[in-house]
């Protein structure tokens, strides 16, 4: 994967963020996109080799659209400043997200503002065995890799049906259950970038499996 070409394309796209520019550079976009998809296909195989429960997700299935959703965010630019993809993308589970971009690049996973049913299932799992979840979150290597849960909306009080003095009330108040590991351009351009991804994937796996069990039991 030629990430230098990807960054160059994104730089010029975001300096000329318009349909006219994209139409005039459609061939370049397709070359970069196809290169990214081929890289995702290789990564898909590599992840399957280290995780026997991995859900194969070809690049074309995992890649996200480069267009912003202007229906819900009309003030955003037409096109994103990154290429994103979700792998290990089994239905109704927390996938493994990869974002390579200008403003930020990251490896992430979990549930971002899940629907009420999914959120309720996660909270019920924490109510049942929150200590196990805390062990995952507080493991030194996990904290070194991800820090805390992604900061997003939280309730001011305990969610409905849970006591305000619940031992895990701070976790129960979250509306998003996700973690993120930032990536620098320097890391992305290094020869061992794939090994870096595999390492972060494996560190995140117990977290994602806990959540997936919570929403499928």
C-alpha atoms as a PDB file:
ATOM      1  CA  UNK A   1       0.000   0.000   0.000  1.00  0.00           C
ATOM      2  CA  UNK A   2       1.397   3.375  -1.018  1.00  0.00           C
ATOM      3  CA  UNK A   3       0.286   5.479   1.951  1.00  0.00           C
ATOM      4  CA  UNK A   4       2.240   8.472   0.679  1.00  0.00           C
ATOM      5  CA  UNK A   5      -0.013   8.503  -2.386  1.00  0.00           C
ATOM      6  CA  UNK A   6      -3.076   8.150  -0.149  1.00  0.00           C
ATOM      7  CA  UNK A   7      -2.031  11.133   1.979  1.00  0.00           C
ATOM      8  CA  UNK A   8      -1.225  13.191  -1.116  1.00  0.00           C
ATOM      9  CA  UNK A   9      -4.642  12.433  -2.596  1.00  0.00           C
ATOM     10  CA  UNK A  10      -6.432  13.372   0.627  1.00  0.00           C
ATOM     11  CA  UNK A  11      -4.412  16.584   0.910  1.00  0.00           C
ATOM     12  CA  UNK A  12      -5.381  17.751  -2.569  1.00  0.00           C
ATOM     13  CA  UNK A  13      -8.985  16.591  -2.154  1.00  0.00           C
ATOM     14  CA  UNK A  14      -9.394  18.612   1.018  1.00  0.00           C
ATOM     15  CA  UNK A  15      -7.822  21.680  -0.568  1.00  0.00           C
ATOM     16  CA  UNK A  16     -10.387  21.369  -3.358  1.00  0.00           C
ATOM     17  CA  UNK A  17     -13.306  19.712  -1.593  1.00  0.00           C
ATOM     18  CA  UNK A  18     -15.874  19.730  -4.371  1.00  0.00           C
ATOM     19  CA  UNK A  19     -17.661  17.351  -6.717  1.00  0.00           C
ATOM     20  CA  UNK A  20     -16.055  19.114  -9.674  1.00  0.00           C
ATOM     21  CA  UNK A  21     -12.549  18.362  -8.398  1.00  0.00           C
ATOM     22  CA  UNK A  22     -13.468  14.765  -7.577  1.00  0.00           C
ATOM     23  CA  UNK A  23     -15.002  14.237 -11.014  1.00  0.00           C
ATOM     24  CA  UNK A  24     -11.821  15.534 -12.610  1.00  0.00           C
ATOM     25  CA  UNK A  25      -9.664  13.248 -10.467  1.00  0.00           C
ATOM     26  CA  UNK A  26     -11.889  10.178 -10.396  1.00  0.00           C
ATOM     27  CA  UNK A  27      -9.195   7.952 -11.915  1.00  0.00           C
ATOM     28  CA  UNK A  28      -6.715   8.921  -9.162  1.00  0.00           C
ATOM     29  CA  UNK A  29      -9.365   8.326  -6.496  1.00  0.00           C
ATOM     30  CA  UNK A  30     -10.132   4.843  -7.858  1.00  0.00           C
ATOM     31  CA  UNK A  31      -6.431   3.968  -7.950  1.00  0.00           C
ATOM     32  CA  UNK A  32      -5.963   4.970  -4.312  1.00  0.00           C
ATOM     33  CA  UNK A  33      -9.218   3.303  -3.256  1.00  0.00           C
ATOM     34  CA  UNK A  34      -8.369   0.058  -5.067  1.00  0.00           C
ATOM     35  CA  UNK A  35      -4.905   0.071  -3.476  1.00  0.00           C
ATOM     36  CA  UNK A  36      -6.484   0.565  -0.044  1.00  0.00           C
ATOM     37  CA  UNK A  37      -8.979  -2.264  -0.658  1.00  0.00           C
ATOM     38  CA  UNK A  38      -6.152  -4.605  -1.722  1.00  0.00           C
ATOM     39  CA  UNK A  39      -4.268  -3.697   1.475  1.00  0.00           C
ATOM     40  CA  UNK A  40      -7.415  -4.379   3.526  1.00  0.00           C
ATOM     41  CA  UNK A  41      -7.723  -7.788   1.842  1.00  0.00           C
ATOM     42  CA  UNK A  42      -4.174  -8.645   2.946  1.00  0.00           C
ATOM     43  CA  UNK A  43      -4.923  -7.417   6.449  1.00  0.00           C
ATOM     44  CA  UNK A  44      -8.128  -9.476   6.486  1.00  0.00           C
ATOM     45  CA  UNK A  45      -6.076 -12.626   5.889  1.00  0.00           C
ATOM     46  CA  UNK A  46      -3.477 -11.651   8.500  1.00  0.00           C
ATOM     47  CA  UNK A  47      -6.124 -11.008  11.167  1.00  0.00           C
ATOM     48  CA  UNK A  48      -7.778 -14.333  10.409  1.00  0.00           C
ATOM     49  CA  UNK A  49      -4.428 -16.029  11.018  1.00  0.00           C
ATOM     50  CA  UNK A  50      -4.089 -14.628  14.569  1.00  0.00           C
ATOM     51  CA  UNK A  51      -7.760 -14.921  15.629  1.00  0.00           C
ATOM     52  CA  UNK A  52      -9.579 -18.197  15.025  1.00  0.00           C
ATOM     53  CA  UNK A  53     -12.932 -16.492  15.648  1.00  0.00           C
ATOM     54  CA  UNK A  54     -12.252 -13.698  13.171  1.00  0.00           C
ATOM     55  CA  UNK A  55     -15.146 -12.907  10.794  1.00  0.00           C
ATOM     56  CA  UNK A  56     -13.643 -12.550   7.327  1.00  0.00           C
ATOM     57  CA  UNK A  57     -14.398  -9.106   5.917  1.00  0.00           C
ATOM     58  CA  UNK A  58     -13.068  -8.397   2.407  1.00  0.00           C
ATOM     59  CA  UNK A  59     -11.913  -4.867   1.736  1.00  0.00           C
ATOM     60  CA  UNK A  60     -14.878  -3.985  -0.479  1.00  0.00           C
ATOM     61  CA  UNK A  61     -17.243  -4.972   2.320  1.00  0.00           C
ATOM     62  CA  UNK A  62     -15.293  -3.224   5.058  1.00  0.00           C
ATOM     63  CA  UNK A  63     -14.442   0.102   3.415  1.00  0.00           C
ATOM     64  CA  UNK A  64     -16.553   3.149   4.238  1.00  0.00           C
ATOM     65  CA  UNK A  65     -17.785   5.715   1.724  1.00  0.00           C
ATOM     66  CA  UNK A  66     -15.598   8.783   1.361  1.00  0.00           C
ATOM     67  CA  UNK A  67     -18.676  11.029   1.085  1.00  0.00           C
ATOM     68  CA  UNK A  68     -19.900  12.697   4.260  1.00  0.00           C
ATOM     69  CA  UNK A  69     -23.568  12.208   5.131  1.00  0.00           C
ATOM     70  CA  UNK A  70     -24.790  15.740   4.474  1.00  0.00           C
ATOM     71  CA  UNK A  71     -28.385  14.888   5.327  1.00  0.00           C
ATOM     72  CA  UNK A  72     -27.509  14.722   9.018  1.00  0.00           C
ATOM     73  CA  UNK A  73     -24.429  16.984   8.907  1.00  0.00           C
ATOM     74  CA  UNK A  74     -25.144  19.640   6.262  1.00  0.00           C
ATOM     75  CA  UNK A  75     -22.245  21.853   7.358  1.00  0.00           C
ATOM     76  CA  UNK A  76     -19.571  19.234   6.775  1.00  0.00           C
ATOM     77  CA  UNK A  77     -17.448  19.159   3.592  1.00  0.00           C
ATOM     78  CA  UNK A  78     -18.691  16.926   0.783  1.00  0.00           C
ATOM     79  CA  UNK A  79     -15.802  14.505   1.233  1.00  0.00           C
ATOM     80  CA  UNK A  80     -14.036  13.135   4.296  1.00  0.00           C
ATOM     81  CA  UNK A  81     -10.370  13.724   5.044  1.00  0.00           C
ATOM     82  CA  UNK A  82      -9.726  10.021   5.617  1.00  0.00           C
ATOM     83  CA  UNK A  83     -10.253   6.486   4.410  1.00  0.00           C
ATOM     84  CA  UNK A  84     -12.022   4.300   6.968  1.00  0.00           C
ATOM     85  CA  UNK A  85     -12.938   0.632   7.178  1.00  0.00           C
ATOM     86  CA  UNK A  86     -14.431  -1.880   9.590  1.00  0.00           C
ATOM     87  CA  UNK A  87     -13.009  -5.411   9.757  1.00  0.00           C
ATOM     88  CA  UNK A  88     -14.103  -8.483  11.735  1.00  0.00           C
ATOM     89  CA  UNK A  89     -17.527  -7.165  10.819  1.00  0.00           C
ATOM     90  CA  UNK A  90     -19.959  -9.882  11.901  1.00  0.00           C
ATOM     91  CA  UNK A  91     -23.593  -8.699  12.029  1.00  0.00           C
ATOM     92  CA  UNK A  92     -24.612  -6.931  15.252  1.00  0.00           C
ATOM     93  CA  UNK A  93     -21.135  -6.989  16.766  1.00  0.00           C
ATOM     94  CA  UNK A  94     -18.395  -4.485  17.579  1.00  0.00           C
ATOM     95  CA  UNK A  95     -16.075  -4.384  14.576  1.00  0.00           C
ATOM     96  CA  UNK A  96     -12.395  -3.379  14.415  1.00  0.00           C
ATOM     97  CA  UNK A  97     -12.151   0.064  12.849  1.00  0.00           C
ATOM     98  CA  UNK A  98      -9.216   1.483  10.892  1.00  0.00           C
ATOM     99  CA  UNK A  99      -8.985   5.134   9.913  1.00  0.00           C
ATOM    100  CA  UNK A 100      -6.118   6.575   7.883  1.00  0.00           C
ATOM    101  CA  UNK A 101      -6.430  10.299   7.384  1.00  0.00           C
ATOM    102  CA  UNK A 102      -5.102  13.839   7.560  1.00  0.00           C
ATOM    103  CA  UNK A 103      -6.605  15.158  10.772  1.00  0.00           C
ATOM    104  CA  UNK A 104      -6.311  11.906  12.663  1.00  0.00           C
ATOM    105  CA  UNK A 105      -5.584   8.248  12.112  1.00  0.00           C
ATOM    106  CA  UNK A 106      -6.614   5.511  14.513  1.00  0.00           C
ATOM    107  CA  UNK A 107      -7.390   1.919  15.339  1.00  0.00           C
ATOM    108  CA  UNK A 108     -10.634   1.644  17.276  1.00  0.00           C
ATOM    109  CA  UNK A 109     -13.394  -0.741  18.258  1.00  0.00           C
ATOM    110  CA  UNK A 110     -16.516  -1.151  20.343  1.00  0.00           C
ATOM    111  CA  UNK A 111     -19.977   0.388  20.073  1.00  0.00           C
ATOM    112  CA  UNK A 112     -20.438   4.071  19.247  1.00  0.00           C
ATOM    113  CA  UNK A 113     -23.817   5.297  20.555  1.00  0.00           C
ATOM    114  CA  UNK A 114     -25.526   1.922  20.078  1.00  0.00           C
ATOM    115  CA  UNK A 115     -29.277   1.561  19.752  1.00  0.00           C
ATOM    116  CA  UNK A 116     -31.277   1.325  23.012  1.00  0.00           C
ATOM    117  CA  UNK A 117     -31.569  -2.483  22.916  1.00  0.00           C
ATOM    118  CA  UNK A 118     -27.832  -2.967  22.408  1.00  0.00           C
ATOM    119  CA  UNK A 119     -26.981  -0.377  25.044  1.00  0.00           C
ATOM    120  CA  UNK A 120     -29.318  -2.069  27.512  1.00  0.00           C
ATOM    121  CA  UNK A 121     -27.638  -5.443  26.862  1.00  0.00           C
ATOM    122  CA  UNK A 122     -24.189  -3.971  27.549  1.00  0.00           C
ATOM    123  CA  UNK A 123     -25.387  -2.363  30.776  1.00  0.00           C
ATOM    124  CA  UNK A 124     -27.002  -5.609  31.899  1.00  0.00           C
ATOM    125  CA  UNK A 125     -23.715  -7.432  31.295  1.00  0.00           C
ATOM    126  CA  UNK A 126     -21.876  -4.850  33.401  1.00  0.00           C
ATOM    127  CA  UNK A 127     -24.533  -5.213  36.093  1.00  0.00           C
ATOM    128  CA  UNK A 128     -23.976  -8.986  36.069  1.00  0.00           C
ATOM    129  CA  UNK A 129     -20.166  -9.153  35.929  1.00  0.00           C
ATOM    130  CA  UNK A 130     -18.788  -5.643  35.744  1.00  0.00           C
ATOM    131  CA  UNK A 131     -15.673  -6.699  37.652  1.00  0.00           C
ATOM    132  CA  UNK A 132     -14.627  -8.794  34.663  1.00  0.00           C
ATOM    133  CA  UNK A 133     -15.083  -5.785  32.385  1.00  0.00           C
ATOM    134  CA  UNK A 134     -13.055  -3.624  34.762  1.00  0.00           C
ATOM    135  CA  UNK A 135     -10.237  -6.183  34.748  1.00  0.00           C
ATOM    136  CA  UNK A 136     -10.040  -5.802  30.974  1.00  0.00           C
ATOM    137  CA  UNK A 137     -10.148  -2.006  31.102  1.00  0.00           C
ATOM    138  CA  UNK A 138      -7.597  -1.745  33.928  1.00  0.00           C
ATOM    139  CA  UNK A 139      -5.031  -4.190  32.538  1.00  0.00           C
ATOM    140  CA  UNK A 140      -1.765  -2.254  32.251  1.00  0.00           C
ATOM    141  CA  UNK A 141      -1.057  -3.145  28.623  1.00  0.00           C
ATOM    142  CA  UNK A 142      -4.649  -2.260  27.697  1.00  0.00           C
ATOM    143  CA  UNK A 143      -4.448   1.133  29.415  1.00  0.00           C
ATOM    144  CA  UNK A 144      -1.058   1.793  27.843  1.00  0.00           C
ATOM    145  CA  UNK A 145      -2.544   1.086  24.404  1.00  0.00           C
ATOM    146  CA  UNK A 146      -5.953   2.739  24.685  1.00  0.00           C
ATOM    147  CA  UNK A 147      -6.129   4.808  27.853  1.00  0.00           C
ATOM    148  CA  UNK A 148      -9.757   5.120  28.973  1.00  0.00           C
ATOM    149  CA  UNK A 149     -13.029   4.534  27.174  1.00  0.00           C
ATOM    150  CA  UNK A 150     -13.655   7.056  24.405  1.00  0.00           C
ATOM    151  CA  UNK A 151     -15.089  10.224  25.960  1.00  0.00           C
ATOM    152  CA  UNK A 152     -18.612  10.761  24.616  1.00  0.00           C
ATOM    153  CA  UNK A 153     -22.057  11.485  26.008  1.00  0.00           C
ATOM    154  CA  UNK A 154     -22.759  10.148  29.483  1.00  0.00           C
ATOM    155  CA  UNK A 155     -25.788  10.296  31.726  1.00  0.00           C
ATOM    156  CA  UNK A 156     -25.700  12.587  34.729  1.00  0.00           C
ATOM    157  CA  UNK A 157     -27.347   9.928  36.868  1.00  0.00           C
ATOM    158  CA  UNK A 158     -27.667   6.157  36.804  1.00  0.00           C
ATOM    159  CA  UNK A 159     -29.652   4.801  33.825  1.00  0.00           C
ATOM    160  CA  UNK A 160     -33.247   3.777  34.391  1.00  0.00           C
ATOM    161  CA  UNK A 161     -33.494   0.517  36.298  1.00  0.00           C
ATOM    162  CA  UNK A 162     -30.081   0.828  37.985  1.00  0.00           C
ATOM    163  CA  UNK A 163     -29.303   2.178  41.441  1.00  0.00           C
ATOM    164  CA  UNK A 164     -27.406   5.452  41.846  1.00  0.00           C
ATOM    165  CA  UNK A 165     -25.069   3.661  44.273  1.00  0.00           C
ATOM    166  CA  UNK A 166     -24.407   0.736  41.916  1.00  0.00           C
ATOM    167  CA  UNK A 167     -20.719  -0.296  42.237  1.00  0.00           C
ATOM    168  CA  UNK A 168     -20.262   0.167  38.475  1.00  0.00           C
ATOM    169  CA  UNK A 169     -22.440   3.245  38.041  1.00  0.00           C
ATOM    170  CA  UNK A 170     -19.648   5.214  36.324  1.00  0.00           C
ATOM    171  CA  UNK A 171     -19.516   2.605  33.563  1.00  0.00           C
ATOM    172  CA  UNK A 172     -23.294   2.287  33.384  1.00  0.00           C
ATOM    173  CA  UNK A 173     -23.627   6.013  32.679  1.00  0.00           C
ATOM    174  CA  UNK A 174     -21.753   5.704  29.368  1.00  0.00           C
ATOM    175  CA  UNK A 175     -23.677   5.829  26.083  1.00  0.00           C
ATOM    176  CA  UNK A 176     -20.650   4.792  24.026  1.00  0.00           C
ATOM    177  CA  UNK A 177     -18.441   1.796  24.749  1.00  0.00           C
ATOM    178  CA  UNK A 178     -15.403   2.133  22.529  1.00  0.00           C
ATOM    179  CA  UNK A 179     -11.640   2.501  22.730  1.00  0.00           C
ATOM    180  CA  UNK A 180      -9.195   4.140  20.341  1.00  0.00           C
ATOM    181  CA  UNK A 181      -5.472   3.981  19.653  1.00  0.00           C
ATOM    182  CA  UNK A 182      -4.104   6.992  17.723  1.00  0.00           C
ATOM    183  CA  UNK A 183      -1.669   6.513  14.868  1.00  0.00           C
ATOM    184  CA  UNK A 184       0.950   8.946  13.611  1.00  0.00           C
ATOM    185  CA  UNK A 185       1.843   9.324   9.944  1.00  0.00           C
ATOM    186  CA  UNK A 186       5.325   8.097  10.850  1.00  0.00           C
ATOM    187  CA  UNK A 187       3.918   4.834  12.243  1.00  0.00           C
ATOM    188  CA  UNK A 188       1.730   4.297   9.182  1.00  0.00           C
ATOM    189  CA  UNK A 189       4.690   4.695   6.827  1.00  0.00           C
ATOM    190  CA  UNK A 190       6.928   2.256   8.723  1.00  0.00           C
ATOM    191  CA  UNK A 191       7.601  -1.224   7.342  1.00  0.00           C
ATOM    192  CA  UNK A 192       6.175  -2.899  10.452  1.00  0.00           C
ATOM    193  CA  UNK A 193       2.795  -1.124  10.306  1.00  0.00           C
ATOM    194  CA  UNK A 194       0.906  -4.381   9.733  1.00  0.00           C
ATOM    195  CA  UNK A 195       2.540  -5.922  12.821  1.00  0.00           C
ATOM    196  CA  UNK A 196       1.517  -2.827  14.788  1.00  0.00           C
ATOM    197  CA  UNK A 197      -2.107  -3.324  13.722  1.00  0.00           C
ATOM    198  CA  UNK A 198      -2.066  -7.003  14.676  1.00  0.00           C
ATOM    199  CA  UNK A 199      -0.668  -6.143  18.113  1.00  0.00           C
ATOM    200  CA  UNK A 200      -3.346  -3.519  18.790  1.00  0.00           C
ATOM    201  CA  UNK A 201      -6.056  -5.857  17.462  1.00  0.00           C
ATOM    202  CA  UNK A 202      -5.052  -8.611  19.884  1.00  0.00           C
ATOM    203  CA  UNK A 203      -4.866  -6.183  22.818  1.00  0.00           C
ATOM    204  CA  UNK A 204      -8.388  -4.979  22.029  1.00  0.00           C
ATOM    205  CA  UNK A 205      -9.850  -8.440  21.475  1.00  0.00           C
ATOM    206  CA  UNK A 206     -10.956  -9.244  25.080  1.00  0.00           C
ATOM    207  CA  UNK A 207     -12.747  -5.870  25.231  1.00  0.00           C
ATOM    208  CA  UNK A 208     -14.622  -6.497  21.980  1.00  0.00           C
ATOM    209  CA  UNK A 209     -15.434 -10.092  22.910  1.00  0.00           C
ATOM    210  CA  UNK A 210     -16.901  -8.976  26.224  1.00  0.00           C
ATOM    211  CA  UNK A 211     -19.176  -6.519  24.416  1.00  0.00           C
ATOM    212  CA  UNK A 212     -20.100  -9.009  21.697  1.00  0.00           C
ATOM    213  CA  UNK A 213     -21.033 -11.604  24.292  1.00  0.00           C
ATOM    214  CA  UNK A 214     -23.125  -8.986  26.081  1.00  0.00           C
ATOM    215  CA  UNK A 215     -25.220  -8.253  22.977  1.00  0.00           C
ATOM    216  CA  UNK A 216     -25.600 -11.836  21.735  1.00  0.00           C
ATOM    217  CA  UNK A 217     -26.394 -13.768  24.928  1.00  0.00           C
END
